[in-house]
Amino acid sequence: MGQNELQTGLDQRGKVSRDHAGEDVRVNTVCRNECDTPMLRMGFAVRALDPNTAVADLDGSVPLGRVARPEDIADVVLLLASDAARCAARLSK
């Protein structure tokens, strides 16, 4: 998927969110980069890279100091799906 298609999809979700906000409908999108999963590590190994070293290198390129872990993504999704996020709107652009 190209950048234009991605942006179009996100714009449409934003429109749905605005159009139905008064009906207590929330539309959220979680966009993440690399996530430290077995699949990511296998991809490094297939390219003859040491997975631990490759992930450590990725960690150094992320402002938070590490790439996401699956539980990080799950926590965000759980938060956004909960009533605790009932007023969360347009958190990123």
N, C-alpha and C. Protein backbone atom coordinates (compact mmCIF):
# COMPACT_ATOMS: atom_id res chain seq x y z
N MET A 1 0.85 -1.17 0.00
CA MET A 1 0.00 0.00 0.00
C MET A 1 0.90 1.24 0.00
N GLY A 2 0.60 2.15 -0.88
CA GLY A 2 1.38 3.38 -0.96
C GLY A 2 0.93 4.42 0.04
N GLN A 3 1.72 5.46 0.16
CA GLN A 3 1.43 6.54 1.11
C GLN A 3 0.09 7.21 0.79
N ASN A 4 -0.21 7.42 -0.49
CA ASN A 4 -1.47 8.07 -0.85
C ASN A 4 -2.67 7.25 -0.44
N GLU A 5 -2.61 5.93 -0.69
CA GLU A 5 -3.72 5.06 -0.30
C GLU A 5 -3.89 5.03 1.21
N LEU A 6 -2.77 4.98 1.92
CA LEU A 6 -2.83 4.98 3.37
C LEU A 6 -3.46 6.27 3.88
N GLN A 7 -3.03 7.40 3.35
CA GLN A 7 -3.58 8.68 3.79
C GLN A 7 -5.07 8.78 3.47
N THR A 8 -5.47 8.29 2.30
CA THR A 8 -6.88 8.30 1.94
C THR A 8 -7.70 7.48 2.93
N GLY A 9 -7.19 6.30 3.28
CA GLY A 9 -7.89 5.46 4.26
C GLY A 9 -8.01 6.14 5.61
N LEU A 10 -6.94 6.77 6.06
CA LEU A 10 -6.98 7.47 7.34
C LEU A 10 -7.93 8.66 7.29
N ASP A 11 -7.93 9.37 6.16
CA ASP A 11 -8.86 10.50 6.01
C ASP A 11 -10.30 10.03 6.08
N GLN A 12 -10.60 8.88 5.44
CA GLN A 12 -11.97 8.35 5.46
C GLN A 12 -12.37 7.95 6.88
N ARG A 13 -11.45 7.37 7.61
CA ARG A 13 -11.76 7.01 9.00
C ARG A 13 -12.03 8.26 9.82
N GLY A 14 -11.27 9.30 9.55
CA GLY A 14 -11.51 10.56 10.25
C GLY A 14 -12.88 11.12 9.94
N LYS A 15 -13.29 11.00 8.68
CA LYS A 15 -14.62 11.47 8.28
C LYS A 15 -15.71 10.67 8.98
N VAL A 16 -15.58 9.36 9.00
CA VAL A 16 -16.56 8.52 9.69
C VAL A 16 -16.62 8.90 11.16
N SER A 17 -15.46 9.12 11.76
CA SER A 17 -15.40 9.49 13.17
C SER A 17 -16.14 10.81 13.42
N ARG A 18 -15.90 11.80 12.57
CA ARG A 18 -16.57 13.10 12.74
C ARG A 18 -18.07 12.96 12.50
N ASP A 19 -18.46 12.24 11.47
CA ASP A 19 -19.86 12.12 11.10
C ASP A 19 -20.69 11.39 12.16
N HIS A 20 -20.06 10.52 12.93
CA HIS A 20 -20.81 9.70 13.88
C HIS A 20 -20.41 9.94 15.34
N ALA A 21 -19.64 10.96 15.59
CA ALA A 21 -19.19 11.24 16.97
C ALA A 21 -20.37 11.46 17.91
N GLY A 22 -21.41 12.12 17.44
CA GLY A 22 -22.58 12.37 18.28
C GLY A 22 -23.36 11.12 18.61
N GLU A 23 -23.07 10.03 17.92
CA GLU A 23 -23.74 8.76 18.17
C GLU A 23 -22.90 7.86 19.07
N ASP A 24 -21.88 8.43 19.69
CA ASP A 24 -20.97 7.71 20.58
C ASP A 24 -20.20 6.61 19.84
N VAL A 25 -19.90 6.87 18.56
CA VAL A 25 -19.09 5.96 17.76
C VAL A 25 -17.67 6.49 17.72
N ARG A 26 -16.72 5.65 18.08
CA ARG A 26 -15.31 6.05 18.03
C ARG A 26 -14.61 5.23 16.96
N VAL A 27 -13.77 5.90 16.19
CA VAL A 27 -12.98 5.23 15.16
C VAL A 27 -11.53 5.52 15.48
N ASN A 28 -10.76 4.48 15.70
CA ASN A 28 -9.35 4.64 16.05
C ASN A 28 -8.48 3.82 15.11
N THR A 29 -7.31 4.32 14.86
CA THR A 29 -6.34 3.60 14.05
C THR A 29 -5.03 3.59 14.81
N VAL A 30 -4.43 2.44 14.93
CA VAL A 30 -3.13 2.32 15.58
C VAL A 30 -2.11 2.04 14.48
N CYS A 31 -1.23 2.99 14.27
CA CYS A 31 -0.19 2.84 13.25
C CYS A 31 1.14 2.68 13.97
N ARG A 32 1.75 1.57 13.78
CA ARG A 32 3.01 1.31 14.46
C ARG A 32 4.10 1.01 13.43
N ASN A 33 5.30 1.12 13.87
CA ASN A 33 6.43 0.73 13.04
C ASN A 33 6.83 -0.69 13.41
N GLU A 34 8.10 -0.95 13.46
CA GLU A 34 8.55 -2.29 13.81
C GLU A 34 8.07 -2.69 15.20
N CYS A 35 7.80 -3.96 15.34
CA CYS A 35 7.38 -4.52 16.61
C CYS A 35 8.24 -5.77 16.84
N ASP A 36 8.81 -5.87 18.02
CA ASP A 36 9.71 -6.98 18.34
C ASP A 36 8.91 -8.27 18.49
N THR A 37 8.77 -8.97 17.38
CA THR A 37 8.02 -10.21 17.34
C THR A 37 8.91 -11.33 16.81
N PRO A 38 8.50 -12.57 16.98
CA PRO A 38 9.27 -13.67 16.38
C PRO A 38 9.42 -13.50 14.87
N MET A 39 8.40 -12.96 14.21
CA MET A 39 8.47 -12.78 12.77
C MET A 39 9.56 -11.77 12.39
N LEU A 40 9.66 -10.68 13.14
CA LEU A 40 10.71 -9.69 12.88
C LEU A 40 12.08 -10.33 13.07
N ARG A 41 12.23 -11.06 14.16
CA ARG A 41 13.52 -11.70 14.44
C ARG A 41 13.86 -12.76 13.39
N MET A 42 12.85 -13.49 12.92
CA MET A 42 13.09 -14.48 11.88
C MET A 42 13.55 -13.79 10.59
N GLY A 43 12.96 -12.64 10.30
CA GLY A 43 13.38 -11.89 9.11
C GLY A 43 14.85 -11.50 9.17
N PHE A 44 15.30 -11.12 10.34
CA PHE A 44 16.73 -10.81 10.49
C PHE A 44 17.58 -12.06 10.30
N ALA A 45 17.14 -13.16 10.92
CA ALA A 45 17.91 -14.40 10.83
C ALA A 45 18.00 -14.89 9.39
N VAL A 46 16.92 -14.78 8.63
CA VAL A 46 16.91 -15.20 7.22
C VAL A 46 17.94 -14.41 6.41
N ARG A 47 18.14 -13.16 6.82
CA ARG A 47 19.14 -12.32 6.13
C ARG A 47 20.53 -12.44 6.76
N ALA A 48 20.72 -13.48 7.54
CA ALA A 48 22.01 -13.79 8.19
C ALA A 48 22.45 -12.69 9.15
N LEU A 49 21.48 -12.04 9.78
CA LEU A 49 21.78 -11.04 10.81
C LEU A 49 21.44 -11.64 12.17
N ASP A 50 22.24 -11.30 13.17
CA ASP A 50 21.93 -11.75 14.52
C ASP A 50 20.69 -10.99 15.00
N PRO A 51 19.60 -11.68 15.30
CA PRO A 51 18.37 -11.00 15.69
C PRO A 51 18.52 -10.08 16.90
N ASN A 52 19.27 -10.51 17.90
CA ASN A 52 19.44 -9.66 19.09
C ASN A 52 20.17 -8.36 18.75
N THR A 53 21.21 -8.47 17.95
CA THR A 53 21.96 -7.27 17.54
C THR A 53 21.10 -6.37 16.67
N ALA A 54 20.36 -6.97 15.74
CA ALA A 54 19.52 -6.18 14.83
C ALA A 54 18.42 -5.45 15.60
N VAL A 55 17.80 -6.12 16.56
CA VAL A 55 16.76 -5.47 17.36
C VAL A 55 17.39 -4.37 18.22
N ALA A 56 18.55 -4.61 18.77
CA ALA A 56 19.24 -3.57 19.55
C ALA A 56 19.55 -2.35 18.68
N ASP A 57 19.95 -2.59 17.44
CA ASP A 57 20.19 -1.47 16.51
C ASP A 57 18.90 -0.70 16.25
N LEU A 58 17.81 -1.43 16.05
CA LEU A 58 16.51 -0.77 15.86
C LEU A 58 16.13 0.03 17.10
N ASP A 59 16.34 -0.56 18.26
CA ASP A 59 16.02 0.14 19.51
C ASP A 59 16.71 1.50 19.56
N GLY A 60 17.93 1.56 19.10
CA GLY A 60 18.68 2.82 19.12
C GLY A 60 18.16 3.85 18.15
N SER A 61 17.33 3.45 17.20
CA SER A 61 16.82 4.39 16.21
C SER A 61 15.44 4.94 16.57
N VAL A 62 14.89 4.50 17.70
CA VAL A 62 13.55 4.90 18.11
C VAL A 62 13.64 5.91 19.25
N PRO A 63 12.88 7.02 19.16
CA PRO A 63 12.95 8.03 20.23
C PRO A 63 12.70 7.49 21.63
N LEU A 64 11.85 6.48 21.76
CA LEU A 64 11.58 5.90 23.09
C LEU A 64 12.72 5.02 23.58
N GLY A 65 13.65 4.70 22.69
CA GLY A 65 14.79 3.87 23.07
C GLY A 65 14.59 2.39 22.83
N ARG A 66 13.42 1.99 22.34
CA ARG A 66 13.18 0.59 22.00
C ARG A 66 11.99 0.52 21.06
N VAL A 67 11.98 -0.53 20.23
CA VAL A 67 10.83 -0.76 19.36
C VAL A 67 9.68 -1.31 20.21
N ALA A 68 8.50 -1.23 19.67
CA ALA A 68 7.33 -1.72 20.39
C ALA A 68 7.39 -3.24 20.57
N ARG A 69 6.71 -3.68 21.59
CA ARG A 69 6.49 -5.10 21.82
C ARG A 69 5.01 -5.37 21.63
N PRO A 70 4.63 -6.59 21.33
CA PRO A 70 3.21 -6.87 21.10
C PRO A 70 2.31 -6.38 22.24
N GLU A 71 2.77 -6.52 23.48
CA GLU A 71 1.94 -6.07 24.60
C GLU A 71 1.76 -4.55 24.62
N ASP A 72 2.73 -3.80 24.07
CA ASP A 72 2.58 -2.35 23.97
C ASP A 72 1.42 -2.00 23.04
N ILE A 73 1.35 -2.69 21.90
CA ILE A 73 0.29 -2.45 20.94
C ILE A 73 -1.05 -2.87 21.54
N ALA A 74 -1.08 -4.02 22.20
CA ALA A 74 -2.31 -4.50 22.83
C ALA A 74 -2.81 -3.52 23.88
N ASP A 75 -1.91 -2.94 24.67
CA ASP A 75 -2.32 -1.97 25.70
C ASP A 75 -2.96 -0.73 25.08
N VAL A 76 -2.41 -0.26 23.97
CA VAL A 76 -2.98 0.90 23.28
C VAL A 76 -4.37 0.58 22.76
N VAL A 77 -4.51 -0.58 22.13
CA VAL A 77 -5.81 -0.99 21.59
C VAL A 77 -6.84 -1.13 22.73
N LEU A 78 -6.45 -1.74 23.83
CA LEU A 78 -7.36 -1.88 24.96
C LEU A 78 -7.77 -0.52 25.51
N LEU A 79 -6.83 0.39 25.60
CA LEU A 79 -7.16 1.74 26.08
C LEU A 79 -8.14 2.42 25.13
N LEU A 80 -7.85 2.39 23.83
CA LEU A 80 -8.72 3.06 22.87
C LEU A 80 -10.11 2.44 22.79
N ALA A 81 -10.21 1.15 23.08
CA ALA A 81 -11.51 0.48 23.04
C ALA A 81 -12.30 0.67 24.34
N SER A 82 -11.65 1.21 25.35
CA SER A 82 -12.31 1.34 26.65
C SER A 82 -12.99 2.71 26.79
N ASP A 83 -13.83 2.81 27.80
CA ASP A 83 -14.47 4.09 28.09
C ASP A 83 -13.48 5.14 28.57
N ALA A 84 -12.29 4.72 28.97
CA ALA A 84 -11.27 5.69 29.39
C ALA A 84 -10.87 6.60 28.23
N ALA A 85 -11.11 6.15 27.00
CA ALA A 85 -10.76 6.95 25.82
C ALA A 85 -11.99 7.58 25.18
N ARG A 86 -13.07 7.72 25.93
CA ARG A 86 -14.31 8.21 25.34
C ARG A 86 -14.20 9.62 24.78
N CYS A 87 -13.24 10.39 25.23
CA CYS A 87 -13.07 11.74 24.70
C CYS A 87 -11.80 11.87 23.84
N ALA A 88 -11.14 10.77 23.56
CA ALA A 88 -9.93 10.81 22.74
C ALA A 88 -10.34 11.02 21.28
N ALA A 89 -9.81 12.08 20.71
CA ALA A 89 -10.12 12.36 19.31
C ALA A 89 -8.92 13.02 18.66
N ARG A 90 -8.58 12.56 17.49
CA ARG A 90 -7.51 13.16 16.69
C ARG A 90 -6.22 13.31 17.49
N LEU A 91 -5.71 12.17 17.96
CA LEU A 91 -4.48 12.20 18.76
C LEU A 91 -3.24 12.45 17.91
N SER A 92 -3.31 12.14 16.63
CA SER A 92 -2.18 12.41 15.76
C SER A 92 -2.71 12.88 14.41
N LYS A 93 -1.84 13.45 13.65
CA LYS A 93 -2.23 13.98 12.35
C LYS A 93 -1.49 13.31 11.26
